[in-house]
Structure formats: structure tokens, C-alpha cells
N, C-alpha and C. Protein backbone atom coordinates (compact mmCIF):
# COMPACT_ATOMS: atom_id res chain seq x y z
N MET A 1 0.84 -1.18 0.00
CA MET A 1 0.00 0.00 0.00
C MET A 1 0.88 1.24 0.00
N THR A 2 0.63 2.18 -0.89
CA THR A 2 1.43 3.37 -0.98
C THR A 2 1.00 4.38 0.07
N LEU A 3 1.89 5.34 0.36
CA LEU A 3 1.58 6.37 1.33
C LEU A 3 0.36 7.17 0.93
N SER A 4 0.22 7.46 -0.38
CA SER A 4 -0.91 8.26 -0.84
C SER A 4 -2.24 7.58 -0.58
N ALA A 5 -2.23 6.26 -0.45
CA ALA A 5 -3.48 5.53 -0.24
C ALA A 5 -4.08 5.80 1.13
N VAL A 6 -3.25 6.23 2.09
CA VAL A 6 -3.78 6.45 3.43
C VAL A 6 -3.61 7.89 3.91
N THR A 7 -3.14 8.76 3.06
CA THR A 7 -2.89 10.14 3.48
C THR A 7 -4.13 10.80 4.04
N SER A 8 -5.25 10.66 3.34
CA SER A 8 -6.47 11.31 3.80
C SER A 8 -6.95 10.74 5.13
N ILE A 9 -6.70 9.46 5.37
CA ILE A 9 -7.10 8.85 6.63
C ILE A 9 -6.24 9.37 7.77
N LEU A 10 -4.95 9.46 7.55
CA LEU A 10 -4.05 9.92 8.61
C LEU A 10 -4.22 11.41 8.88
N ASP A 11 -4.61 12.18 7.86
CA ASP A 11 -4.87 13.60 8.06
C ASP A 11 -6.18 13.84 8.79
N ASN A 12 -7.09 12.86 8.69
CA ASN A 12 -8.39 12.97 9.34
C ASN A 12 -8.66 11.69 10.12
N PRO A 13 -8.12 11.59 11.34
CA PRO A 13 -8.28 10.37 12.12
C PRO A 13 -9.73 9.97 12.25
N PRO A 14 -10.05 8.68 12.17
CA PRO A 14 -11.43 8.22 12.21
C PRO A 14 -12.10 8.51 13.54
N VAL A 15 -13.36 8.86 13.47
CA VAL A 15 -14.16 9.07 14.66
C VAL A 15 -14.69 7.72 15.13
N SER A 16 -15.32 7.70 16.29
CA SER A 16 -15.88 6.46 16.79
C SER A 16 -16.92 5.92 15.83
N LEU A 17 -16.93 4.62 15.66
CA LEU A 17 -17.86 3.96 14.75
C LEU A 17 -18.96 3.31 15.58
N HIS A 18 -20.17 3.82 15.48
CA HIS A 18 -21.30 3.23 16.18
C HIS A 18 -22.43 3.08 15.18
N SER A 19 -22.87 1.88 14.93
CA SER A 19 -23.95 1.64 13.98
C SER A 19 -24.93 0.65 14.56
N GLY A 20 -26.21 0.92 14.36
CA GLY A 20 -27.23 -0.01 14.82
C GLY A 20 -27.69 -0.92 13.71
N ILE A 21 -26.94 -0.98 12.61
CA ILE A 21 -27.36 -1.73 11.45
C ILE A 21 -26.42 -2.89 11.20
N MET A 22 -27.01 -4.07 10.94
CA MET A 22 -26.28 -5.25 10.54
C MET A 22 -25.16 -5.59 11.52
N MET A 23 -24.02 -6.01 11.00
CA MET A 23 -22.95 -6.55 11.84
C MET A 23 -22.06 -5.47 12.45
N LEU A 24 -22.32 -4.19 12.18
CA LEU A 24 -21.51 -3.14 12.78
C LEU A 24 -22.06 -2.75 14.14
N THR A 25 -23.14 -3.37 14.58
CA THR A 25 -23.72 -3.06 15.88
C THR A 25 -22.72 -3.32 16.99
N ASN A 26 -22.61 -2.35 17.90
CA ASN A 26 -21.76 -2.47 19.09
C ASN A 26 -20.28 -2.60 18.80
N ILE A 27 -19.87 -2.26 17.59
CA ILE A 27 -18.44 -2.22 17.27
C ILE A 27 -18.07 -0.76 17.08
N SER A 28 -16.97 -0.36 17.67
CA SER A 28 -16.51 1.02 17.48
C SER A 28 -15.09 1.01 16.98
N GLY A 29 -14.74 2.05 16.24
CA GLY A 29 -13.39 2.16 15.71
C GLY A 29 -12.36 2.42 16.78
N ARG A 30 -12.80 2.95 17.92
CA ARG A 30 -11.89 3.19 19.02
C ARG A 30 -12.21 2.25 20.18
N THR A 31 -11.21 1.93 20.93
CA THR A 31 -11.43 1.16 22.14
C THR A 31 -11.90 2.11 23.22
N PRO A 32 -12.50 1.62 24.31
CA PRO A 32 -13.03 2.50 25.35
C PRO A 32 -11.97 3.45 25.90
N GLN A 33 -12.39 4.67 26.13
CA GLN A 33 -11.46 5.69 26.58
C GLN A 33 -11.59 6.00 28.08
N ASP A 34 -12.47 5.27 28.78
CA ASP A 34 -12.70 5.60 30.17
C ASP A 34 -11.73 4.88 31.11
N ALA A 35 -10.93 3.97 30.60
CA ALA A 35 -9.97 3.27 31.45
C ALA A 35 -8.74 4.14 31.69
N PRO A 36 -8.09 4.00 32.86
CA PRO A 36 -6.89 4.79 33.12
C PRO A 36 -5.81 4.50 32.09
N ALA A 37 -5.00 5.51 31.81
CA ALA A 37 -3.91 5.33 30.85
C ALA A 37 -2.91 4.32 31.41
N PRO A 38 -2.46 3.36 30.60
CA PRO A 38 -1.50 2.37 31.09
C PRO A 38 -0.18 3.04 31.44
N PHE A 39 0.47 2.52 32.47
CA PHE A 39 1.72 3.14 32.92
C PHE A 39 2.86 2.14 32.99
N THR A 40 2.65 0.99 33.64
CA THR A 40 3.72 0.01 33.76
C THR A 40 3.90 -0.71 32.43
N PRO A 41 5.07 -1.33 32.22
CA PRO A 41 5.25 -2.08 30.97
C PRO A 41 4.17 -3.13 30.75
N LEU A 42 3.81 -3.86 31.81
CA LEU A 42 2.78 -4.88 31.66
C LEU A 42 1.44 -4.26 31.29
N GLU A 43 1.09 -3.14 31.90
CA GLU A 43 -0.17 -2.46 31.57
C GLU A 43 -0.17 -1.99 30.12
N ILE A 44 0.95 -1.47 29.66
CA ILE A 44 1.04 -1.00 28.28
C ILE A 44 0.88 -2.17 27.32
N LEU A 45 1.55 -3.27 27.60
CA LEU A 45 1.47 -4.44 26.73
C LEU A 45 0.07 -5.04 26.73
N GLU A 46 -0.54 -5.14 27.89
CA GLU A 46 -1.89 -5.69 27.97
C GLU A 46 -2.89 -4.80 27.24
N SER A 47 -2.70 -3.49 27.33
CA SER A 47 -3.56 -2.56 26.61
C SER A 47 -3.39 -2.73 25.10
N CYS A 48 -2.17 -2.92 24.66
CA CYS A 48 -1.92 -3.14 23.23
C CYS A 48 -2.59 -4.43 22.76
N HIS A 49 -2.50 -5.47 23.54
CA HIS A 49 -3.13 -6.74 23.15
C HIS A 49 -4.64 -6.61 23.08
N ALA A 50 -5.22 -5.85 24.00
CA ALA A 50 -6.67 -5.63 23.95
C ALA A 50 -7.06 -4.90 22.68
N ARG A 51 -6.25 -3.91 22.27
CA ARG A 51 -6.54 -3.17 21.04
C ARG A 51 -6.38 -4.06 19.81
N ILE A 52 -5.36 -4.89 19.81
CA ILE A 52 -5.17 -5.81 18.68
C ILE A 52 -6.40 -6.68 18.51
N ARG A 53 -6.88 -7.26 19.59
CA ARG A 53 -8.07 -8.12 19.51
C ARG A 53 -9.30 -7.33 19.09
N HIS A 54 -9.41 -6.10 19.56
CA HIS A 54 -10.53 -5.24 19.19
C HIS A 54 -10.57 -5.00 17.69
N PHE A 55 -9.43 -4.63 17.12
CA PHE A 55 -9.41 -4.30 15.70
C PHE A 55 -9.44 -5.55 14.81
N LEU A 56 -9.01 -6.67 15.32
CA LEU A 56 -9.20 -7.92 14.58
C LEU A 56 -10.70 -8.23 14.48
N ARG A 57 -11.43 -8.02 15.58
CA ARG A 57 -12.88 -8.22 15.53
C ARG A 57 -13.53 -7.25 14.55
N LEU A 58 -13.04 -6.01 14.55
CA LEU A 58 -13.61 -5.02 13.64
C LEU A 58 -13.37 -5.42 12.19
N SER A 59 -12.20 -5.98 11.88
CA SER A 59 -11.92 -6.39 10.50
C SER A 59 -12.87 -7.49 10.05
N ARG A 60 -13.15 -8.44 10.94
CA ARG A 60 -14.09 -9.50 10.58
C ARG A 60 -15.52 -8.96 10.47
N THR A 61 -15.85 -8.04 11.34
CA THR A 61 -17.17 -7.42 11.30
C THR A 61 -17.37 -6.66 10.00
N LEU A 62 -16.35 -5.92 9.59
CA LEU A 62 -16.45 -5.17 8.33
C LEU A 62 -16.67 -6.10 7.16
N ALA A 63 -16.01 -7.24 7.16
CA ALA A 63 -16.16 -8.19 6.05
C ALA A 63 -17.59 -8.70 5.94
N GLU A 64 -18.33 -8.67 7.03
CA GLU A 64 -19.70 -9.19 7.03
C GLU A 64 -20.75 -8.08 6.94
N ALA A 65 -20.31 -6.84 6.79
CA ALA A 65 -21.22 -5.70 6.85
C ALA A 65 -21.53 -5.15 5.46
N VAL A 66 -21.73 -6.02 4.49
CA VAL A 66 -21.93 -5.56 3.11
C VAL A 66 -23.20 -4.74 2.94
N ASP A 67 -24.17 -4.89 3.83
CA ASP A 67 -25.41 -4.14 3.72
C ASP A 67 -25.46 -2.91 4.62
N ALA A 68 -24.37 -2.61 5.28
CA ALA A 68 -24.32 -1.44 6.16
C ALA A 68 -24.23 -0.16 5.33
N PRO A 69 -24.61 0.99 5.91
CA PRO A 69 -24.47 2.27 5.19
C PRO A 69 -23.02 2.50 4.79
N GLN A 70 -22.82 3.10 3.63
CA GLN A 70 -21.46 3.33 3.17
C GLN A 70 -20.66 4.22 4.12
N SER A 71 -21.34 5.14 4.80
CA SER A 71 -20.63 6.01 5.73
C SER A 71 -20.00 5.20 6.86
N LYS A 72 -20.71 4.16 7.32
CA LYS A 72 -20.18 3.32 8.39
C LYS A 72 -19.07 2.42 7.87
N ILE A 73 -19.21 1.96 6.64
CA ILE A 73 -18.16 1.15 6.03
C ILE A 73 -16.87 1.96 5.92
N VAL A 74 -17.00 3.21 5.50
CA VAL A 74 -15.84 4.10 5.37
C VAL A 74 -15.20 4.33 6.73
N GLU A 75 -16.02 4.55 7.77
CA GLU A 75 -15.48 4.78 9.11
C GLU A 75 -14.72 3.57 9.62
N ALA A 76 -15.30 2.38 9.41
CA ALA A 76 -14.64 1.16 9.88
C ALA A 76 -13.32 0.94 9.15
N ALA A 77 -13.33 1.12 7.83
CA ALA A 77 -12.10 0.93 7.06
C ALA A 77 -11.03 1.93 7.48
N ALA A 78 -11.44 3.17 7.74
CA ALA A 78 -10.50 4.20 8.16
C ALA A 78 -9.90 3.86 9.52
N ALA A 79 -10.73 3.38 10.43
CA ALA A 79 -10.24 3.02 11.75
C ALA A 79 -9.22 1.89 11.67
N LEU A 80 -9.48 0.92 10.81
CA LEU A 80 -8.56 -0.20 10.65
C LEU A 80 -7.24 0.25 10.05
N VAL A 81 -7.30 1.07 9.01
CA VAL A 81 -6.07 1.58 8.41
C VAL A 81 -5.27 2.37 9.43
N TYR A 82 -5.96 3.21 10.16
CA TYR A 82 -5.27 4.07 11.13
C TYR A 82 -4.59 3.23 12.22
N TYR A 83 -5.30 2.24 12.74
CA TYR A 83 -4.72 1.44 13.81
C TYR A 83 -3.55 0.60 13.32
N PHE A 84 -3.76 -0.17 12.26
CA PHE A 84 -2.73 -1.12 11.84
C PHE A 84 -1.52 -0.44 11.20
N SER A 85 -1.67 0.79 10.72
CA SER A 85 -0.53 1.48 10.13
C SER A 85 0.18 2.40 11.11
N GLN A 86 -0.50 2.79 12.20
CA GLN A 86 0.09 3.75 13.13
C GLN A 86 0.38 3.17 14.51
N ALA A 87 -0.57 2.47 15.10
CA ALA A 87 -0.41 2.01 16.48
C ALA A 87 0.28 0.66 16.59
N LEU A 88 -0.09 -0.28 15.75
CA LEU A 88 0.52 -1.61 15.84
C LEU A 88 2.04 -1.56 15.69
N PRO A 89 2.60 -0.77 14.77
CA PRO A 89 4.07 -0.70 14.68
C PRO A 89 4.74 -0.25 15.98
N LEU A 90 4.05 0.57 16.76
CA LEU A 90 4.62 0.99 18.04
C LEU A 90 4.72 -0.19 19.00
N HIS A 91 3.71 -1.03 18.99
CA HIS A 91 3.73 -2.23 19.84
C HIS A 91 4.84 -3.18 19.41
N GLU A 92 5.01 -3.36 18.11
CA GLU A 92 6.08 -4.22 17.63
C GLU A 92 7.45 -3.65 18.01
N ALA A 93 7.58 -2.33 17.95
CA ALA A 93 8.84 -1.71 18.35
C ALA A 93 9.09 -1.91 19.84
N ASP A 94 8.03 -1.87 20.65
CA ASP A 94 8.19 -2.16 22.08
C ASP A 94 8.83 -3.52 22.27
N GLU A 95 8.35 -4.50 21.51
CA GLU A 95 8.83 -5.86 21.68
C GLU A 95 10.21 -6.07 21.05
N ASN A 96 10.40 -5.54 19.84
CA ASN A 96 11.66 -5.75 19.13
C ASN A 96 12.82 -4.98 19.74
N GLU A 97 12.56 -3.72 20.09
CA GLU A 97 13.65 -2.82 20.48
C GLU A 97 13.81 -2.65 21.99
N THR A 98 12.73 -2.82 22.73
CA THR A 98 12.79 -2.60 24.18
C THR A 98 12.81 -3.91 24.96
N LEU A 99 11.91 -4.83 24.63
CA LEU A 99 11.83 -6.08 25.40
C LEU A 99 12.88 -7.11 24.99
N TYR A 100 12.98 -7.36 23.68
CA TYR A 100 13.83 -8.47 23.23
C TYR A 100 15.27 -8.37 23.73
N PRO A 101 15.95 -7.24 23.58
CA PRO A 101 17.35 -7.20 24.04
C PRO A 101 17.48 -7.52 25.52
N ARG A 102 16.56 -7.04 26.33
CA ARG A 102 16.63 -7.29 27.77
C ARG A 102 16.32 -8.75 28.11
N LEU A 103 15.30 -9.29 27.44
CA LEU A 103 14.95 -10.69 27.69
C LEU A 103 16.07 -11.62 27.24
N HIS A 104 16.72 -11.27 26.14
CA HIS A 104 17.82 -12.09 25.64
C HIS A 104 18.96 -12.14 26.66
N LEU A 105 19.27 -11.00 27.24
CA LEU A 105 20.36 -10.94 28.21
C LEU A 105 19.97 -11.60 29.53
N ALA A 106 18.69 -11.58 29.84
CA ALA A 106 18.24 -12.09 31.14
C ALA A 106 17.95 -13.59 31.13
N SER A 107 18.09 -14.24 29.99
CA SER A 107 17.74 -15.66 29.89
C SER A 107 18.93 -16.48 29.43
N LEU A 108 18.91 -17.75 29.75
CA LEU A 108 19.98 -18.66 29.38
C LEU A 108 19.77 -19.19 27.96
N PRO A 109 20.85 -19.50 27.23
CA PRO A 109 20.71 -20.09 25.90
C PRO A 109 19.86 -21.35 25.94
N GLY A 110 18.90 -21.43 25.03
CA GLY A 110 18.05 -22.61 24.95
C GLY A 110 16.91 -22.64 25.95
N SER A 111 16.83 -21.65 26.82
CA SER A 111 15.76 -21.63 27.81
C SER A 111 14.43 -21.27 27.14
N PRO A 112 13.31 -21.67 27.73
CA PRO A 112 12.00 -21.34 27.15
C PRO A 112 11.82 -19.84 26.95
N LEU A 113 12.33 -19.03 27.88
CA LEU A 113 12.17 -17.59 27.76
C LEU A 113 12.95 -17.05 26.57
N ARG A 114 14.20 -17.49 26.41
CA ARG A 114 14.98 -16.98 25.27
C ARG A 114 14.37 -17.41 23.95
N GLU A 115 13.89 -18.66 23.89
CA GLU A 115 13.26 -19.14 22.67
C GLU A 115 11.97 -18.38 22.38
N ALA A 116 11.20 -18.06 23.43
CA ALA A 116 9.97 -17.30 23.24
C ALA A 116 10.27 -15.88 22.78
N ALA A 117 11.30 -15.27 23.34
CA ALA A 117 11.67 -13.91 22.94
C ALA A 117 12.10 -13.89 21.47
N LYS A 118 12.85 -14.90 21.06
CA LYS A 118 13.27 -14.99 19.67
C LYS A 118 12.06 -15.18 18.75
N ALA A 119 11.15 -16.06 19.15
CA ALA A 119 9.95 -16.31 18.34
C ALA A 119 9.08 -15.06 18.27
N MET A 120 9.01 -14.32 19.36
CA MET A 120 8.22 -13.09 19.39
C MET A 120 8.64 -12.15 18.26
N VAL A 121 9.93 -11.97 18.10
CA VAL A 121 10.45 -11.07 17.06
C VAL A 121 10.29 -11.67 15.67
N GLU A 122 10.62 -12.95 15.54
CA GLU A 122 10.56 -13.59 14.23
C GLU A 122 9.14 -13.65 13.68
N GLN A 123 8.16 -13.84 14.53
CA GLN A 123 6.78 -13.94 14.09
C GLN A 123 6.23 -12.63 13.55
N HIS A 124 6.87 -11.53 13.90
CA HIS A 124 6.39 -10.24 13.43
C HIS A 124 6.46 -10.12 11.91
N GLN A 125 7.43 -10.75 11.29
CA GLN A 125 7.58 -10.63 9.84
C GLN A 125 6.36 -11.19 9.12
N ALA A 126 5.93 -12.39 9.50
CA ALA A 126 4.76 -12.99 8.86
C ALA A 126 3.51 -12.19 9.17
N ILE A 127 3.41 -11.71 10.40
CA ILE A 127 2.26 -10.89 10.78
C ILE A 127 2.22 -9.61 9.95
N ASP A 128 3.38 -8.98 9.79
CA ASP A 128 3.44 -7.73 9.04
C ASP A 128 3.02 -7.92 7.58
N GLU A 129 3.34 -9.06 7.01
CA GLU A 129 2.94 -9.33 5.63
C GLU A 129 1.42 -9.42 5.52
N MET A 130 0.78 -10.07 6.47
CA MET A 130 -0.68 -10.16 6.46
C MET A 130 -1.32 -8.80 6.76
N VAL A 131 -0.70 -8.05 7.65
CA VAL A 131 -1.21 -6.71 7.96
C VAL A 131 -1.16 -5.83 6.71
N ALA A 132 -0.09 -5.94 5.93
CA ALA A 132 0.03 -5.16 4.71
C ALA A 132 -1.11 -5.48 3.74
N GLU A 133 -1.47 -6.75 3.66
CA GLU A 133 -2.58 -7.14 2.79
C GLU A 133 -3.90 -6.60 3.32
N LEU A 134 -4.08 -6.67 4.63
CA LEU A 134 -5.29 -6.13 5.23
C LEU A 134 -5.38 -4.62 4.99
N LEU A 135 -4.27 -3.92 5.15
CA LEU A 135 -4.26 -2.48 4.93
C LEU A 135 -4.62 -2.12 3.50
N SER A 136 -4.09 -2.88 2.56
CA SER A 136 -4.39 -2.62 1.15
C SER A 136 -5.88 -2.77 0.88
N LEU A 137 -6.49 -3.82 1.42
CA LEU A 137 -7.92 -4.04 1.23
C LEU A 137 -8.74 -2.93 1.89
N CYS A 138 -8.39 -2.58 3.11
CA CYS A 138 -9.15 -1.57 3.83
C CYS A 138 -9.00 -0.19 3.20
N ALA A 139 -7.81 0.11 2.67
CA ALA A 139 -7.62 1.38 1.99
C ALA A 139 -8.49 1.44 0.73
N SER A 140 -8.60 0.33 0.01
CA SER A 140 -9.45 0.28 -1.18
C SER A 140 -10.91 0.47 -0.80
N ILE A 141 -11.33 -0.18 0.28
CA ILE A 141 -12.72 -0.07 0.73
C ILE A 141 -13.01 1.34 1.23
N HIS A 142 -12.02 1.96 1.87
CA HIS A 142 -12.21 3.34 2.33
C HIS A 142 -12.43 4.29 1.16
N ARG A 143 -11.67 4.09 0.08
CA ARG A 143 -11.81 4.96 -1.10
C ARG A 143 -13.09 4.65 -1.86
N GLN A 144 -13.42 3.37 -1.92
CA GLN A 144 -14.59 2.95 -2.70
C GLN A 144 -15.41 1.95 -1.88
N PRO A 145 -16.22 2.43 -0.94
CA PRO A 145 -16.98 1.52 -0.07
C PRO A 145 -17.93 0.60 -0.83
N GLU A 146 -18.31 1.00 -2.04
CA GLU A 146 -19.19 0.16 -2.84
C GLU A 146 -18.50 -1.14 -3.28
N ARG A 147 -17.19 -1.21 -3.12
CA ARG A 147 -16.46 -2.43 -3.49
C ARG A 147 -16.47 -3.48 -2.37
N LEU A 148 -17.00 -3.15 -1.21
CA LEU A 148 -16.98 -4.10 -0.11
C LEU A 148 -17.58 -5.46 -0.48
N PRO A 149 -18.76 -5.53 -1.14
CA PRO A 149 -19.30 -6.85 -1.47
C PRO A 149 -18.35 -7.72 -2.28
N SER A 150 -17.62 -7.10 -3.21
CA SER A 150 -16.71 -7.88 -4.06
C SER A 150 -15.41 -8.23 -3.33
N LEU A 151 -15.07 -7.47 -2.29
CA LEU A 151 -13.82 -7.71 -1.56
C LEU A 151 -14.05 -8.41 -0.22
N ALA A 152 -15.33 -8.61 0.14
CA ALA A 152 -15.64 -9.12 1.47
C ALA A 152 -15.03 -10.49 1.73
N ARG A 153 -15.12 -11.38 0.74
CA ARG A 153 -14.60 -12.73 0.95
C ARG A 153 -13.09 -12.72 1.19
N LEU A 154 -12.36 -11.95 0.38
CA LEU A 154 -10.91 -11.87 0.55
C LEU A 154 -10.58 -11.20 1.87
N LEU A 155 -11.33 -10.16 2.23
CA LEU A 155 -11.09 -9.48 3.50
C LEU A 155 -11.28 -10.45 4.66
N ARG A 156 -12.32 -11.28 4.60
CA ARG A 156 -12.55 -12.24 5.67
C ARG A 156 -11.42 -13.26 5.74
N GLN A 157 -10.94 -13.71 4.58
CA GLN A 157 -9.84 -14.68 4.58
C GLN A 157 -8.58 -14.08 5.21
N VAL A 158 -8.27 -12.86 4.84
CA VAL A 158 -7.08 -12.21 5.40
C VAL A 158 -7.26 -11.97 6.89
N ALA A 159 -8.45 -11.52 7.27
CA ALA A 159 -8.73 -11.26 8.69
C ALA A 159 -8.64 -12.55 9.50
N ASP A 160 -9.16 -13.65 8.96
CA ASP A 160 -9.09 -14.93 9.66
C ASP A 160 -7.64 -15.41 9.81
N SER A 161 -6.86 -15.26 8.74
CA SER A 161 -5.45 -15.68 8.80
C SER A 161 -4.68 -14.85 9.82
N LEU A 162 -4.95 -13.56 9.82
CA LEU A 162 -4.28 -12.68 10.77
C LEU A 162 -4.72 -13.00 12.20
N ASP A 163 -5.99 -13.29 12.37
CA ASP A 163 -6.50 -13.65 13.68
C ASP A 163 -5.82 -14.92 14.21
N GLN A 164 -5.65 -15.89 13.35
CA GLN A 164 -4.99 -17.14 13.75
C GLN A 164 -3.54 -16.90 14.12
N ALA A 165 -2.87 -16.07 13.33
CA ALA A 165 -1.46 -15.78 13.62
C ALA A 165 -1.32 -15.05 14.95
N PHE A 166 -2.19 -14.09 15.17
CA PHE A 166 -2.13 -13.34 16.42
C PHE A 166 -2.53 -14.20 17.62
N ALA A 167 -3.45 -15.13 17.43
CA ALA A 167 -3.92 -15.95 18.55
C ALA A 167 -2.75 -16.66 19.22
N SER A 168 -1.92 -17.35 18.43
CA SER A 168 -0.78 -18.06 19.01
C SER A 168 0.30 -17.08 19.47
N HIS A 169 0.48 -16.00 18.73
CA HIS A 169 1.50 -15.01 19.07
C HIS A 169 1.19 -14.35 20.42
N LEU A 170 -0.04 -13.89 20.58
CA LEU A 170 -0.40 -13.21 21.82
C LEU A 170 -0.41 -14.17 23.00
N GLN A 171 -0.88 -15.40 22.77
CA GLN A 171 -0.89 -16.37 23.85
C GLN A 171 0.52 -16.68 24.34
N MET A 172 1.45 -16.84 23.41
CA MET A 172 2.83 -17.11 23.79
C MET A 172 3.39 -15.95 24.62
N GLU A 173 3.11 -14.74 24.20
CA GLU A 173 3.60 -13.59 24.95
C GLU A 173 2.98 -13.51 26.34
N GLU A 174 1.69 -13.76 26.41
CA GLU A 174 0.99 -13.62 27.68
C GLU A 174 1.33 -14.72 28.68
N THR A 175 1.75 -15.87 28.18
CA THR A 175 2.07 -16.99 29.08
C THR A 175 3.56 -17.10 29.40
N VAL A 176 4.40 -16.54 28.54
CA VAL A 176 5.85 -16.66 28.76
C VAL A 176 6.52 -15.30 28.95
N ILE A 177 6.26 -14.37 28.04
CA ILE A 177 6.94 -13.08 28.07
C ILE A 177 6.44 -12.21 29.22
N PHE A 178 5.13 -12.07 29.35
CA PHE A 178 4.59 -11.18 30.38
C PHE A 178 5.03 -11.59 31.79
N PRO A 179 4.92 -12.86 32.16
CA PRO A 179 5.37 -13.24 33.51
C PRO A 179 6.86 -12.98 33.75
N ALA A 180 7.65 -13.03 32.68
CA ALA A 180 9.09 -12.82 32.82
C ALA A 180 9.44 -11.39 33.22
N LEU A 181 8.52 -10.47 33.03
CA LEU A 181 8.78 -9.08 33.41
C LEU A 181 8.97 -8.95 34.91
N GLN A 182 8.47 -9.91 35.67
CA GLN A 182 8.59 -9.85 37.12
C GLN A 182 10.03 -9.97 37.60
N GLN A 183 10.90 -10.49 36.75
CA GLN A 183 12.30 -10.66 37.16
C GLN A 183 13.09 -9.36 37.09
N PHE A 184 12.53 -8.33 36.46
CA PHE A 184 13.24 -7.07 36.35
C PHE A 184 13.04 -6.24 37.62
N THR A 185 14.03 -5.44 37.95
CA THR A 185 13.94 -4.58 39.13
C THR A 185 13.02 -3.41 38.84
N PRO A 186 12.53 -2.73 39.90
CA PRO A 186 11.68 -1.56 39.69
C PRO A 186 12.34 -0.50 38.80
N SER A 187 13.63 -0.29 38.97
CA SER A 187 14.31 0.72 38.15
C SER A 187 14.37 0.29 36.69
N GLN A 188 14.57 -1.00 36.45
CA GLN A 188 14.58 -1.51 35.07
C GLN A 188 13.20 -1.38 34.44
N LEU A 189 12.16 -1.70 35.20
CA LEU A 189 10.80 -1.58 34.68
C LEU A 189 10.45 -0.13 34.39
N GLU A 190 10.94 0.77 35.23
CA GLU A 190 10.68 2.19 34.99
C GLU A 190 11.34 2.65 33.69
N LYS A 191 12.55 2.18 33.43
CA LYS A 191 13.23 2.54 32.19
C LYS A 191 12.51 1.97 30.98
N ILE A 192 12.04 0.73 31.09
CA ILE A 192 11.28 0.11 30.00
C ILE A 192 10.01 0.91 29.73
N SER A 193 9.33 1.30 30.80
CA SER A 193 8.11 2.08 30.66
C SER A 193 8.38 3.42 29.98
N ARG A 194 9.48 4.08 30.37
CA ARG A 194 9.83 5.37 29.75
C ARG A 194 10.08 5.22 28.25
N GLU A 195 10.77 4.16 27.88
CA GLU A 195 11.03 3.93 26.46
C GLU A 195 9.73 3.74 25.68
N MET A 196 8.82 2.96 26.24
CA MET A 196 7.54 2.72 25.57
C MET A 196 6.73 4.01 25.45
N GLN A 197 6.70 4.79 26.51
CA GLN A 197 5.93 6.03 26.50
C GLN A 197 6.55 7.06 25.55
N GLN A 198 7.87 7.13 25.54
CA GLN A 198 8.56 8.06 24.65
C GLN A 198 8.26 7.72 23.19
N ARG A 199 8.15 6.44 22.90
CA ARG A 199 7.84 6.00 21.54
C ARG A 199 6.48 6.52 21.08
N ARG A 200 5.59 6.78 22.01
CA ARG A 200 4.24 7.21 21.68
C ARG A 200 4.07 8.73 21.72
N ARG A 201 5.12 9.45 22.04
CA ARG A 201 5.04 10.90 22.05
C ARG A 201 5.25 11.44 20.64
N PRO A 202 4.43 12.42 20.24
CA PRO A 202 4.57 12.96 18.89
C PRO A 202 5.87 13.74 18.74
N PRO A 203 6.55 13.59 17.60
CA PRO A 203 7.77 14.36 17.36
C PRO A 203 7.43 15.81 17.09
N GLY A 204 8.09 16.71 17.78
CA GLY A 204 7.86 18.12 17.55
C GLY A 204 6.42 18.50 17.84
N HIS A 205 5.81 19.15 16.84
CA HIS A 205 4.44 19.61 16.99
C HIS A 205 3.47 18.73 16.22
N ALA A 206 3.94 17.61 15.70
CA ALA A 206 3.06 16.73 14.94
C ALA A 206 2.05 16.06 15.88
N ILE A 207 0.87 15.84 15.37
CA ILE A 207 -0.17 15.16 16.14
C ILE A 207 -0.14 13.70 15.76
N HIS A 208 0.03 12.84 16.76
CA HIS A 208 0.11 11.40 16.50
C HIS A 208 -0.79 10.69 17.50
N LEU A 209 -2.03 10.48 17.10
CA LEU A 209 -2.99 9.85 17.98
C LEU A 209 -2.85 8.34 17.86
N VAL A 210 -2.82 7.65 19.01
CA VAL A 210 -2.73 6.20 19.03
C VAL A 210 -4.08 5.66 19.43
N ARG A 211 -4.64 4.82 18.59
CA ARG A 211 -5.94 4.22 18.87
C ARG A 211 -5.74 2.95 19.67
């Protein structure tokens, strides 16, 4: 997907998606905003995982919403493009650049933790390829919502494949990586948290909203 394909979406971040029609009922483009902002590394990671699952559900919902109003189709596609192109890369950077080096040093060669940390990073490549396909489809639907019926089957296939990839990926992290954070000292956790938060701060005066 080219940069021009999502320029209008990034210039105009999607509003909340609420529709009482068909399969878009009770799905919103944003996750709930009433929860406290995550602060600790574990809270940040858990919040990211909740958002990943939220937008995976939205992608499947969009694939089944061929009879929904075009305005709602556009909103859902915009929300998906915005999340998977802007917020998900920050989560991957948290894992690749902040967590992996520390976990590698803190674990023994061949240990379950070191192997899980390695798999965490390696699995991102396959996930990113599927995300790129999802982004391309959603960008097309955002530009031409009338194409959803003809693209719905492919969108569902891509969404299902991505959901399966994330299911094992997130489970591995939540059962092996997340508990391992307990071995770090409070000062180490504070530094990890600062790195994650700094990654989410907009450069200069640019506005960078994370969904």
C-alpha cells in the first residue's frame, strides 16, 4: 500500500464507529477511553493486546457488513487503516527494540524464555505481511466503499489468517513473556516504561494519535 493511499485517513483520524445496522452493531473504531492510561510495561502491553483483539474483531465485522451504510463502512475501514498502520508498529517496536534485548540478556541459551523472545520477534515478519494485505484491502474499501461486497470474501480470509497468527502469538507472549517481566527490578521496569511512552510521544508539533 502506498503512502498516498492512506494520506487522507491519517490527516483525518477516524471518529468512533457506532452503527445499529447489521454486523456493525456495538463495534466502534476506538477502544473505550474511560480506562486509566497504562503506565507500567505490563499495563502498556496488555492494553496493546486488547486493542489488537478489538481491531481484529472489527476487520471480521467489516467483512460481514456488506449491507451497512457506506458512511459506516468508510469509518470502519479508516479506523482499521489508522490502527494497523500507526499504532501496531509501536507495539512491535516495544517488543523488538525494548523487550527483546533485555529478555535475551536475562535468559539462558536454549531456555524457554529466550526461545519465546526470539519467536516473538521472528513472528512479526509474517504478521506484518498479512497486515500489509489487510491495509491494502481496507484502503481500497475506504476509497470505494461500494467495493466491499466484491472484496468481502478476501477481506474475511485475510482477517481470519491474521486472527490465527495473532492468537498463538499473543498467547505465547501472555504466558511466557509477560510473567518474565517480574524478574526485572523496579528501576529496570521504569526505564522500560519510559522507552515505551517516549515511543508514543509525537515528534515536535506533529499530532500522533494512538488508537
